[in-house]
Every structure is written in C-alpha cells, then in structure tokens.
Amino acid sequence: MKILNNWWEGKEDTAITILEHIKELRTRIIIVLTAWFFFSLIIFYYCEPIFNSLLGKFISIQFIYLTPAALFITYIKLSMTISFVLISPLLLYQVWGFINPGLYPKEKRIFFFMLIIGSLLFYIGCFFAYKIIIPFSIEFFESFSAEQVQAQYEIGQYLSFVINTMLISGIVFELPLFMCLAAVVGIITSSKLSKNRKYTILTIVIVSAVLTPPDVISQMLTALPLWGLFELGLLMMRVIEKSKKAVKGEDK
C-alpha cells in the first residue's frame, strides 16, 4: 500500500536514463503484443458463435465466401480485432505508464481517470455502432433492392464494413479524451471552443452525415450523442485548465 500511495502522490524516484526509457518501451510493447496474441487465440476458439451473433441480426441476408480460405481468414481477422478492442485498456495503461514519470502528481491522477473514461467511451462507441449505425445503414442500403435482385454479401467485405464502422465510431466517441489532451498540451482552450460552439455543432452534423446513411433519423441519433460528448469534453477541459493553473501557482 505504501508503494501505491507514493505512486498516487508522485513521490517515487523517476530519474532514469534514455537507455532505460527505450528498454521500458520495448517491455511495454512486448506486453501488449503478447496479450493481443493470447486473447486472439482464445477468441478464435469461440469465433463461430461470435460470428453467428454478428450475422444473426440480418437473417434475411444471404452471406457467401468466394475462396476456400476466405472464411478462415475472416475468423482470424475477427478474432484479432475483438482481441485488440479487449486489450485497449491495457494498451492505454502501458502508454500512461510510459509517460507517467514526466507528469506532475495532479496530472497523473487526471491522466489515470482519462484512461478509464477513454476506455469506456471507446466501448460505448463500438456498442453504439453495433446497435444503431450498422442496422440503420443495412436497412437503408437494403431499401434500394429490386424484386429480381437478391442481396448476397461476401462475408469478408461485410465483416470489414462492421469492424470499420465500429472502430470509427469508437474513435469518434473518444472526442472528450482528445479535447482533454489538447487542453493539456495547450493547443486550444475551453473558452475558445465555447465561443465557436456553432462551428463545432456544424462539424458534428457533418461527421454524423458521413458515418450514417443519408436519412434524418440516423443522423440525429448519431449527432446528439456526439454533441453530448463535446459538452462533456468542455467540462473536463475546464477541470484540467484549473489544475494546470494550480500547479503553476505551486511552482511560483
């Protein structure tokens, strides 16, 4: 407990050489890659029921594969992607652990909570795409089908569409985290973003139009959460800015 308390309060000795930094970076990369490989093997073993759950949402669609190894490669791609999503908190933790020695005690606590929030937002974004964006997109594109044309999706391309949509949505939902990083670096302030809120809302509408089919309902379902994330990011930026001012005051 003493070590944990010292770490939380920033009392540990963090003076290390460049060579030690490189060794530490290598160790952290190996940890992430090992975890990725290990989880990929486990998920590959259970890949078939996971895959069936992804396809089960659209039972009216016929899925095909065009080469003998296509389904096997698709399983590998699916298992590696899900594994990467699962270990993303570990990846973020390793990044935070690497930059941790260069942070002030208050900045360490802020970054720690940012990593937790960032992981949650990423998962929420992926889930949002799976439940909202992807079904609306499929239904929209299916509405253009003709009576004499039957929809048949190549399984690899369909999976790429699902994975890319979920990952993009997860990254977009990291908006508050990106805003916090901008506040830490000093690229932009919360006051400037507040003054230019109308341009931000316009950008959110454009992003929603890109991520979703061209219908008002799906665009609104995407734009409203993004707007809420923007407002959450503003609140977090203000907290960081107050913390930075307090740190500078202590240094003086």
Protein backbone atom coordinates (compact mmCIF):
# COMPACT_ATOMS: atom_id res chain seq x y z
CA MET A 1 0.00 0.00 0.00
CA LYS A 2 2.91 2.33 0.72
CA ILE A 3 4.22 1.96 -2.85
CA LEU A 4 0.74 2.61 -4.25
CA ASN A 5 0.33 5.71 -2.07
CA ASN A 6 3.71 7.04 -3.12
CA TRP A 7 2.86 6.46 -6.78
CA TRP A 8 -0.50 8.24 -6.40
CA GLU A 9 1.13 11.20 -4.67
CA GLY A 10 4.02 11.31 -7.14
CA LYS A 11 6.78 10.65 -4.61
CA GLU A 12 8.65 7.89 -6.47
CA ASP A 13 12.08 8.41 -7.96
CA THR A 14 11.60 8.67 -11.70
CA ALA A 15 15.08 9.76 -12.80
CA ILE A 16 16.03 7.21 -15.48
CA THR A 17 18.30 7.31 -18.49
CA ILE A 18 17.33 7.33 -22.16
CA LEU A 19 18.51 3.73 -22.50
CA GLU A 20 16.24 2.71 -19.63
CA HIS A 21 13.38 4.54 -21.35
CA ILE A 22 13.99 2.51 -24.52
CA LYS A 23 14.12 -0.75 -22.55
CA GLU A 24 10.92 0.15 -20.74
CA LEU A 25 9.20 1.00 -24.05
CA ARG A 26 10.28 -2.34 -25.50
CA THR A 27 8.98 -4.20 -22.46
CA ARG A 28 5.61 -2.46 -22.65
CA ILE A 29 5.29 -3.17 -26.38
CA ILE A 30 6.07 -6.86 -25.77
CA ILE A 31 3.41 -7.00 -23.03
CA VAL A 32 0.77 -5.54 -25.34
CA LEU A 33 1.67 -7.79 -28.29
CA THR A 34 1.74 -10.89 -26.06
CA ALA A 35 -1.68 -10.08 -24.62
CA TRP A 36 -3.02 -9.40 -28.12
CA PHE A 37 -1.75 -12.77 -29.39
CA PHE A 38 -3.01 -14.66 -26.33
CA PHE A 39 -6.52 -13.18 -26.45
CA SER A 40 -6.67 -13.68 -30.23
CA LEU A 41 -6.10 -17.42 -29.75
CA ILE A 42 -8.84 -17.64 -27.12
CA ILE A 43 -11.35 -15.66 -29.18
CA PHE A 44 -10.52 -17.65 -32.32
CA TYR A 45 -11.61 -20.80 -30.45
CA TYR A 46 -15.03 -19.19 -29.78
CA CYS A 47 -15.12 -17.32 -33.08
CA GLU A 48 -18.01 -19.24 -34.65
CA PRO A 49 -20.71 -18.29 -32.07
CA ILE A 50 -19.43 -14.70 -32.06
CA PHE A 51 -19.56 -14.63 -35.83
CA ASN A 52 -23.07 -16.08 -35.87
CA SER A 53 -24.23 -13.38 -33.46
CA LEU A 54 -22.96 -10.71 -35.87
CA LEU A 55 -24.80 -12.32 -38.76
CA GLY A 56 -27.94 -13.13 -36.79
CA LYS A 57 -29.06 -9.50 -36.84
CA PHE A 58 -29.77 -9.79 -40.56
CA ILE A 59 -31.32 -13.21 -41.09
CA SER A 60 -32.88 -12.15 -44.40
CA ILE A 61 -29.47 -11.59 -45.98
CA GLN A 62 -27.53 -14.40 -47.63
CA PHE A 63 -23.80 -14.43 -46.90
CA ILE A 64 -21.26 -16.10 -49.17
CA TYR A 65 -17.49 -16.53 -49.45
CA LEU A 66 -15.66 -16.79 -52.74
CA THR A 67 -12.40 -18.59 -51.94
CA PRO A 68 -11.70 -21.74 -49.86
CA ALA A 69 -9.69 -19.85 -47.23
CA ALA A 70 -11.97 -16.80 -47.07
CA LEU A 71 -13.95 -17.89 -44.01
CA PHE A 72 -10.80 -18.95 -42.15
CA ILE A 73 -9.15 -15.59 -42.85
CA THR A 74 -12.33 -13.83 -41.77
CA TYR A 75 -12.26 -15.70 -38.45
CA ILE A 76 -8.64 -14.65 -37.91
CA LYS A 77 -9.44 -11.03 -38.70
CA LEU A 78 -12.45 -11.07 -36.39
CA SER A 79 -10.56 -12.65 -33.50
CA MET A 80 -7.64 -10.21 -33.81
CA THR A 81 -9.98 -7.21 -33.97
CA ILE A 82 -12.03 -8.25 -30.94
CA SER A 83 -8.83 -9.06 -29.06
CA PHE A 84 -7.44 -5.61 -29.84
CA VAL A 85 -10.63 -3.99 -28.56
CA LEU A 86 -10.47 -6.05 -25.35
CA ILE A 87 -6.84 -5.20 -24.64
CA SER A 88 -7.26 -1.50 -25.46
CA PRO A 89 -7.37 -0.62 -21.73
CA LEU A 90 -4.05 -2.46 -21.31
CA LEU A 91 -2.62 -0.56 -24.27
CA LEU A 92 -3.74 2.77 -22.83
CA TYR A 93 -2.39 1.78 -19.42
CA GLN A 94 1.02 0.98 -20.92
CA VAL A 95 1.06 4.34 -22.71
CA TRP A 96 0.15 6.07 -19.48
CA GLY A 97 2.79 4.11 -17.54
CA PHE A 98 5.45 5.18 -20.03
CA ILE A 99 4.67 8.91 -19.80
CA ASN A 100 3.86 8.76 -16.09
CA PRO A 101 7.35 9.80 -14.82
CA GLY A 102 7.14 13.08 -16.71
CA LEU A 103 3.86 14.18 -15.14
CA TYR A 104 3.07 16.24 -12.07
CA PRO A 105 1.17 14.41 -9.28
CA LYS A 106 -2.13 16.11 -10.16
CA GLU A 107 -1.57 15.44 -13.86
CA LYS A 108 -1.02 11.75 -13.04
CA ARG A 109 -4.39 11.49 -11.36
CA ILE A 110 -6.08 13.33 -14.23
CA PHE A 111 -4.47 11.09 -16.86
CA PHE A 112 -5.40 7.99 -14.89
CA PHE A 113 -9.07 8.91 -14.87
CA MET A 114 -8.84 9.99 -18.52
CA LEU A 115 -7.68 6.50 -19.44
CA ILE A 116 -10.62 4.94 -17.63
CA ILE A 117 -13.08 7.32 -19.27
CA GLY A 118 -11.39 6.87 -22.66
CA SER A 119 -11.75 3.08 -22.47
CA LEU A 120 -15.42 3.34 -21.51
CA LEU A 121 -16.13 5.82 -24.30
CA PHE A 122 -14.46 3.59 -26.86
CA TYR A 123 -16.57 0.60 -25.83
CA ILE A 124 -19.72 2.73 -25.81
CA GLY A 125 -18.90 3.98 -29.31
CA CYS A 126 -18.43 0.44 -30.62
CA PHE A 127 -21.66 -0.70 -28.99
CA PHE A 128 -23.48 2.35 -30.38
CA ALA A 129 -22.33 1.48 -33.89
CA TYR A 130 -23.35 -2.16 -33.47
CA LYS A 131 -26.83 -1.31 -32.19
CA ILE A 132 -27.66 1.90 -34.08
CA ILE A 133 -25.42 2.83 -37.00
CA ILE A 134 -24.92 -0.59 -38.60
CA PRO A 135 -28.60 -1.71 -38.52
CA PHE A 136 -29.76 1.64 -39.89
CA SER A 137 -27.10 1.51 -42.61
CA ILE A 138 -28.03 -2.02 -43.67
CA GLU A 139 -31.73 -1.22 -43.74
CA PHE A 140 -31.08 1.92 -45.76
CA PHE A 141 -29.00 0.16 -48.40
CA GLU A 142 -31.41 -2.77 -48.47
CA SER A 143 -34.23 -0.35 -49.32
CA PHE A 144 -32.71 0.02 -52.79
CA SER A 145 -33.08 -3.69 -53.60
CA ALA A 146 -35.23 -4.74 -56.56
CA GLU A 147 -37.59 -7.69 -56.82
CA GLN A 148 -35.42 -9.51 -59.34
CA VAL A 149 -32.17 -8.85 -57.43
CA GLN A 150 -31.27 -10.83 -54.33
CA ALA A 151 -28.77 -9.38 -51.85
CA GLN A 152 -25.75 -11.60 -51.28
CA TYR A 153 -22.91 -10.24 -49.16
CA GLU A 154 -19.36 -11.51 -49.39
CA ILE A 155 -18.55 -12.40 -45.80
CA GLY A 156 -15.12 -10.75 -45.69
CA GLN A 157 -16.39 -7.45 -47.06
CA TYR A 158 -19.36 -7.47 -44.71
CA LEU A 159 -17.11 -8.08 -41.71
CA SER A 160 -14.78 -5.28 -42.84
CA PHE A 161 -17.78 -2.96 -43.02
CA VAL A 162 -18.90 -3.93 -39.50
CA ILE A 163 -15.41 -3.69 -37.97
CA ASN A 164 -14.52 -0.40 -39.65
CA THR A 165 -17.82 1.16 -38.64
CA MET A 166 -17.45 0.07 -35.02
CA LEU A 167 -13.81 1.19 -34.77
CA ILE A 168 -14.52 4.56 -36.36
CA SER A 169 -17.47 5.07 -34.01
CA GLY A 170 -15.29 4.08 -31.03
CA ILE A 171 -12.62 6.58 -32.05
CA VAL A 172 -15.18 9.34 -32.64
CA PHE A 173 -16.59 8.72 -29.16
CA GLU A 174 -13.11 9.48 -27.79
CA LEU A 175 -13.82 13.15 -28.52
CA PRO A 176 -13.71 14.22 -24.83
CA LEU A 177 -10.35 12.48 -24.44
CA PHE A 178 -8.90 14.25 -27.49
CA MET A 179 -10.19 17.55 -26.13
CA CYS A 180 -8.51 16.87 -22.78
CA LEU A 181 -5.21 16.09 -24.48
CA ALA A 182 -5.49 19.34 -26.41
CA ALA A 183 -6.04 21.16 -23.12
CA VAL A 184 -3.01 19.50 -21.52
CA VAL A 185 -0.74 20.36 -24.45
CA GLY A 186 -2.20 23.85 -24.69
CA ILE A 187 -3.35 23.61 -28.32
CA ILE A 188 -6.76 25.11 -27.55
CA THR A 189 -8.73 26.30 -24.55
CA SER A 190 -12.26 25.57 -23.40
CA SER A 191 -13.19 29.25 -23.73
CA LYS A 192 -12.29 29.28 -27.44
CA LEU A 193 -14.31 26.14 -28.07
CA SER A 194 -17.27 27.62 -26.19
CA LYS A 195 -17.15 30.78 -28.29
CA ASN A 196 -17.02 28.73 -31.51
CA ARG A 197 -19.66 26.20 -30.44
CA LYS A 198 -21.73 26.77 -33.58
CA TYR A 199 -18.86 25.64 -35.79
CA THR A 200 -18.35 22.59 -33.61
CA ILE A 201 -22.01 21.65 -33.92
CA LEU A 202 -21.76 22.06 -37.70
CA THR A 203 -18.73 19.72 -37.70
CA ILE A 204 -20.65 17.18 -35.61
CA VAL A 205 -23.53 17.24 -38.10
CA ILE A 206 -21.10 16.68 -40.98
CA VAL A 207 -19.39 13.78 -39.18
CA SER A 208 -22.79 12.26 -38.43
CA ALA A 209 -23.75 12.54 -42.08
CA VAL A 210 -20.55 10.72 -43.07
CA LEU A 211 -20.96 7.93 -40.51
CA THR A 212 -24.63 7.26 -41.18
CA PRO A 213 -26.96 6.80 -44.16
CA PRO A 214 -28.50 9.99 -45.60
CA ASP A 215 -31.67 9.97 -43.52
CA VAL A 216 -32.56 12.42 -40.78
CA ILE A 217 -33.32 9.88 -38.03
CA SER A 218 -30.00 8.04 -38.10
CA GLN A 219 -28.07 11.31 -38.43
CA MET A 220 -29.83 12.76 -35.39
CA LEU A 221 -29.25 9.57 -33.40
CA THR A 222 -25.53 10.00 -34.08
CA ALA A 223 -25.28 13.79 -33.79
CA LEU A 224 -26.98 14.11 -30.39
CA PRO A 225 -24.57 11.76 -28.53
CA LEU A 226 -21.61 13.49 -30.18
CA TRP A 227 -22.90 16.86 -29.05
CA GLY A 228 -23.23 15.49 -25.52
CA LEU A 229 -19.66 14.18 -25.71
CA PHE A 230 -18.48 17.60 -26.81
CA GLU A 231 -20.12 19.25 -23.82
CA LEU A 232 -18.59 16.59 -21.54
CA GLY A 233 -15.20 17.33 -23.09
CA LEU A 234 -15.62 21.04 -22.33
CA LEU A 235 -16.27 20.27 -18.66
CA MET A 236 -13.20 18.03 -18.48
CA MET A 237 -11.06 20.68 -20.21
CA ARG A 238 -12.07 23.25 -17.60
CA VAL A 239 -11.03 20.87 -14.81
CA ILE A 240 -7.64 20.32 -16.45
CA GLU A 241 -7.11 24.04 -17.01
CA LYS A 242 -7.83 24.75 -13.34
CA SER A 243 -5.41 22.00 -12.37
CA LYS A 244 -2.68 23.44 -14.59
CA LYS A 245 -3.15 26.88 -13.06
CA ALA A 246 -2.93 25.39 -9.57
CA VAL A 247 0.32 23.57 -10.48
CA LYS A 248 1.85 26.75 -11.88
CA GLY A 249 0.81 28.58 -8.74
CA GLU A 250 2.57 25.98 -6.57
CA ASP A 251 5.75 26.27 -8.69
CA LYS A 252 5.83 30.03 -8.17
